[in-house]
């Protein structure tokens, strides 16, 4: 049965088997596959199954849908195709379509990646959150200014987005040996110790100061 493996920054978020003819993807909670990230439209795309043919169709999303690096409106998928929606990468897997020669040679398929179940989003901003992974020591974000000054939010999830939608949003990602931050969206770039944060991930260290949408925060790591 065809399936897709969803990941961000090489961390697997979820694995989904296609069990019906129409599977919707988007940010709204009524989608079959919810990707709660500001770069993903409410109703972003749909995957259609007709017999042995599986097709990805973009639903007029703001940021578009990509297959193997090319923007698409509608495209039939084949085993191994790489889909991009926002910052997320989705690998399409159809084991029945694997090279028959590999089966003849007795080569077994690589085991599927472990599924990391979703968990509630952080309250600071809409976030796509998943169960903690990696060996990085515990860390948190301490708010230094604004109405939430003094509040400290533990970074226990794989990805935590912070900021104000449509103003400035950044994402902090937990990796195996530390944390990185990058700019997600918004007209003004957030800053790290006074230096603008871009879309390229930047490593965080204890005591770093982040300013985002007029709010100052400090990265604290034990």
Protein backbone atom coordinates (compact mmCIF):
# COMPACT_ATOMS: atom_id res chain seq x y z
CA UNK A 1 0.00 0.00 0.00
CA UNK A 2 1.43 3.44 -0.93
CA UNK A 3 2.50 5.71 1.89
CA UNK A 4 4.29 8.98 2.56
CA UNK A 5 6.97 9.87 5.09
CA UNK A 6 6.83 13.47 6.36
CA UNK A 7 9.99 15.13 7.72
CA UNK A 8 11.54 18.51 8.50
CA UNK A 9 15.28 19.15 8.82
CA UNK A 10 15.83 15.40 8.24
CA UNK A 11 13.71 14.53 11.30
CA UNK A 12 10.79 12.18 10.56
CA UNK A 13 7.53 13.66 11.87
CA UNK A 14 4.98 11.10 10.74
CA UNK A 15 4.32 8.24 8.34
CA UNK A 16 0.94 7.97 6.64
CA UNK A 17 -0.54 5.01 4.74
CA UNK A 18 -3.00 5.85 1.95
CA UNK A 19 -6.19 3.99 2.81
CA UNK A 20 -8.78 5.92 0.79
CA UNK A 21 -9.22 7.48 -2.64
CA UNK A 22 -8.86 11.10 -1.46
CA UNK A 23 -6.35 12.27 1.18
CA UNK A 24 -6.15 15.99 1.95
CA UNK A 25 -3.10 17.84 3.28
CA UNK A 26 -3.14 21.26 4.94
CA UNK A 27 -2.95 23.38 8.08
CA UNK A 28 -6.65 23.17 9.04
CA UNK A 29 -7.53 20.46 11.59
CA UNK A 30 -10.13 18.81 9.34
CA UNK A 31 -7.51 17.66 6.82
CA UNK A 32 -6.57 13.99 6.70
CA UNK A 33 -2.92 14.97 7.15
CA UNK A 34 -2.52 18.12 9.28
CA UNK A 35 0.73 20.08 8.86
CA UNK A 36 0.34 22.91 11.37
CA UNK A 37 2.83 25.40 9.98
CA UNK A 38 2.30 28.94 8.72
CA UNK A 39 3.96 28.20 5.38
CA UNK A 40 1.26 25.61 4.65
CA UNK A 41 -2.17 26.71 3.42
CA UNK A 42 -5.38 25.71 5.21
CA UNK A 43 -6.28 23.40 2.31
CA UNK A 44 -2.94 22.94 0.58
CA UNK A 45 -3.06 19.80 -1.58
CA UNK A 46 -4.84 16.51 -2.12
CA UNK A 47 -3.58 13.04 -3.01
CA UNK A 48 -5.92 11.02 -5.22
CA UNK A 49 -5.80 7.25 -5.71
CA UNK A 50 -7.36 5.67 -8.77
CA UNK A 51 -6.47 2.02 -9.15
CA UNK A 52 -2.69 1.80 -9.11
CA UNK A 53 -2.26 5.49 -10.02
CA UNK A 54 -1.59 8.06 -7.27
CA UNK A 55 -1.78 11.77 -8.13
CA UNK A 56 -0.79 14.88 -6.15
CA UNK A 57 -2.91 17.98 -6.88
CA UNK A 58 -2.21 21.46 -5.50
CA UNK A 59 -5.38 23.20 -4.27
CA UNK A 60 -4.33 26.75 -5.18
CA UNK A 61 -2.05 27.05 -2.14
CA UNK A 62 -0.21 30.28 -1.37
CA UNK A 63 3.31 28.80 -1.44
CA UNK A 64 2.72 26.01 -3.94
CA UNK A 65 3.49 22.29 -4.02
CA UNK A 66 6.71 20.85 -5.43
CA UNK A 67 7.71 17.43 -6.72
CA UNK A 68 11.42 16.74 -7.16
CA UNK A 69 12.12 20.48 -6.97
CA UNK A 70 9.55 21.56 -9.59
CA UNK A 71 6.31 23.44 -8.89
CA UNK A 72 3.26 21.41 -9.93
CA UNK A 73 -0.47 21.81 -10.25
CA UNK A 74 -1.21 18.13 -10.72
CA UNK A 75 1.19 15.23 -11.15
CA UNK A 76 1.15 11.44 -11.05
CA UNK A 77 3.54 10.21 -8.36
CA UNK A 78 6.08 7.43 -8.65
CA UNK A 79 8.01 5.54 -6.01
CA UNK A 80 10.71 7.70 -4.41
CA UNK A 81 9.31 11.10 -5.48
CA UNK A 82 10.23 13.96 -3.13
CA UNK A 83 7.35 16.33 -2.37
CA UNK A 84 7.90 19.73 -0.74
CA UNK A 85 5.15 21.64 1.06
CA UNK A 86 6.39 24.70 2.94
CA UNK A 87 9.47 23.67 4.96
CA UNK A 88 8.35 20.05 5.02
CA UNK A 89 9.64 17.23 2.83
CA UNK A 90 7.42 14.27 2.00
CA UNK A 91 8.79 11.09 0.47
CA UNK A 92 6.30 9.08 -1.58
CA UNK A 93 6.85 5.34 -1.19
CA UNK A 94 5.13 2.64 -3.23
CA UNK A 95 6.85 -0.63 -2.40
CA UNK A 96 4.92 -2.49 -5.10
CA UNK A 97 6.57 -0.24 -7.67
CA UNK A 98 10.08 -1.04 -6.44
CA UNK A 99 12.53 -2.47 -8.95
CA UNK A 100 11.65 -6.19 -9.42
CA UNK A 101 15.34 -6.94 -9.91
CA UNK A 102 15.94 -5.99 -6.28
CA UNK A 103 13.41 -8.59 -5.11
CA UNK A 104 14.93 -11.23 -7.39
CA UNK A 105 18.30 -10.56 -5.88
CA UNK A 106 16.86 -11.00 -2.40
CA UNK A 107 17.56 -7.44 -1.35
CA UNK A 108 15.14 -6.47 1.39
CA UNK A 109 13.59 -3.01 1.57
CA UNK A 110 14.96 -0.70 4.24
CA UNK A 111 12.73 -0.71 7.33
CA UNK A 112 10.36 2.24 7.57
CA UNK A 113 11.44 5.10 9.79
CA UNK A 114 10.04 5.18 13.31
CA UNK A 115 6.86 7.22 13.49
CA UNK A 116 7.06 10.16 15.88
CA UNK A 117 3.51 10.92 17.09
CA UNK A 118 2.28 14.50 17.12
CA UNK A 119 1.82 16.37 20.40
CA UNK A 120 -0.02 19.62 21.28
CA UNK A 121 1.48 22.79 19.84
CA UNK A 122 3.36 25.28 22.02
CA UNK A 123 1.17 28.18 23.21
CA UNK A 124 3.52 30.97 22.09
CA UNK A 125 2.51 30.65 18.44
CA UNK A 126 1.01 28.06 16.06
CA UNK A 127 3.58 25.29 15.91
CA UNK A 128 4.06 21.85 14.46
CA UNK A 129 5.12 19.86 17.47
CA UNK A 130 6.36 16.30 17.79
CA UNK A 131 7.66 14.09 20.54
CA UNK A 132 11.19 14.91 21.69
CA UNK A 133 14.04 13.25 19.85
CA UNK A 134 17.80 13.52 19.90
CA UNK A 135 20.39 13.81 22.66
CA UNK A 136 20.53 17.59 23.09
CA UNK A 137 20.33 18.71 26.72
CA UNK A 138 17.11 20.40 27.91
CA UNK A 139 16.55 24.02 26.89
CA UNK A 140 13.90 26.71 27.04
CA UNK A 141 13.02 30.18 25.81
CA UNK A 142 12.66 32.90 28.48
CA UNK A 143 10.59 35.95 27.51
CA UNK A 144 12.32 39.18 28.61
CA UNK A 145 9.91 41.87 27.41
CA UNK A 146 6.26 42.46 26.57
CA UNK A 147 3.11 41.18 28.26
CA UNK A 148 4.59 37.69 28.71
CA UNK A 149 7.84 38.91 30.34
CA UNK A 150 9.18 36.36 32.82
CA UNK A 151 7.50 33.42 31.12
CA UNK A 152 9.74 30.44 30.35
CA UNK A 153 8.75 27.85 27.75
CA UNK A 154 10.57 24.47 27.68
CA UNK A 155 11.70 23.36 24.21
CA UNK A 156 10.58 19.73 24.49
CA UNK A 157 9.39 19.35 20.89
CA UNK A 158 11.21 18.72 17.63
CA UNK A 159 10.04 22.02 16.13
CA UNK A 160 8.68 25.04 18.00
CA UNK A 161 7.56 28.17 16.12
CA UNK A 162 7.61 31.52 17.93
CA UNK A 163 6.42 35.00 16.97
CA UNK A 164 3.33 36.63 15.50
CA UNK A 165 1.72 35.31 12.28
CA UNK A 166 1.99 37.75 9.34
CA UNK A 167 4.50 39.85 11.32
CA UNK A 168 7.54 37.69 12.00
CA UNK A 169 7.84 33.98 12.74
CA UNK A 170 10.93 31.89 13.53
CA UNK A 171 11.33 28.17 14.18
CA UNK A 172 13.58 26.51 16.75
CA UNK A 173 14.48 22.94 15.84
CA UNK A 174 15.92 20.38 18.23
CA UNK A 175 18.64 18.29 16.64
CA UNK A 176 20.74 15.46 18.04
CA UNK A 177 23.49 17.67 19.42
CA UNK A 178 21.83 21.04 19.92
CA UNK A 179 19.27 23.56 18.73
CA UNK A 180 19.06 25.77 15.63
CA UNK A 181 16.85 28.72 14.74
CA UNK A 182 15.76 29.99 11.32
CA UNK A 183 13.36 32.56 9.88
CA UNK A 184 10.04 31.12 8.65
CA UNK A 185 7.97 34.09 7.48
CA UNK A 186 7.14 37.76 8.03
CA UNK A 187 8.27 41.07 6.57
CA UNK A 188 10.99 41.74 9.15
CA UNK A 189 13.71 39.24 9.97
CA UNK A 190 14.14 38.29 13.62
CA UNK A 191 17.59 38.83 15.12
CA UNK A 192 20.01 36.71 17.11
CA UNK A 193 22.33 38.79 19.28
CA UNK A 194 21.58 41.74 16.98
CA UNK A 195 22.29 39.85 13.73
CA UNK A 196 19.37 39.11 11.36
CA UNK A 197 18.24 35.48 11.27
CA UNK A 198 17.70 34.18 7.73
CA UNK A 199 16.12 31.03 6.34
CA UNK A 200 19.43 29.21 6.95
CA UNK A 201 19.51 27.46 10.35
CA UNK A 202 21.86 29.05 12.93
CA UNK A 203 23.10 27.14 15.99
CA UNK A 204 21.96 28.43 19.38
CA UNK A 205 24.04 28.59 22.55
CA UNK A 206 23.13 29.28 26.16
CA UNK A 207 22.37 32.95 26.79
CA UNK A 208 21.69 33.92 23.16
CA UNK A 209 19.24 36.81 22.77
CA UNK A 210 16.49 36.57 20.17
CA UNK A 211 14.35 39.56 19.19
CA UNK A 212 11.17 38.82 17.28
CA UNK A 213 8.19 41.05 16.49
CA UNK A 214 9.32 43.55 19.15
CA UNK A 215 9.71 40.91 21.87
CA UNK A 216 13.06 39.97 23.41
CA UNK A 217 13.72 36.36 24.41
CA UNK A 218 16.69 34.46 25.77
CA UNK A 219 17.73 30.93 24.87
CA UNK A 220 18.56 29.02 28.03
CA UNK A 221 20.20 25.58 27.97
CA UNK A 222 21.17 23.54 31.00
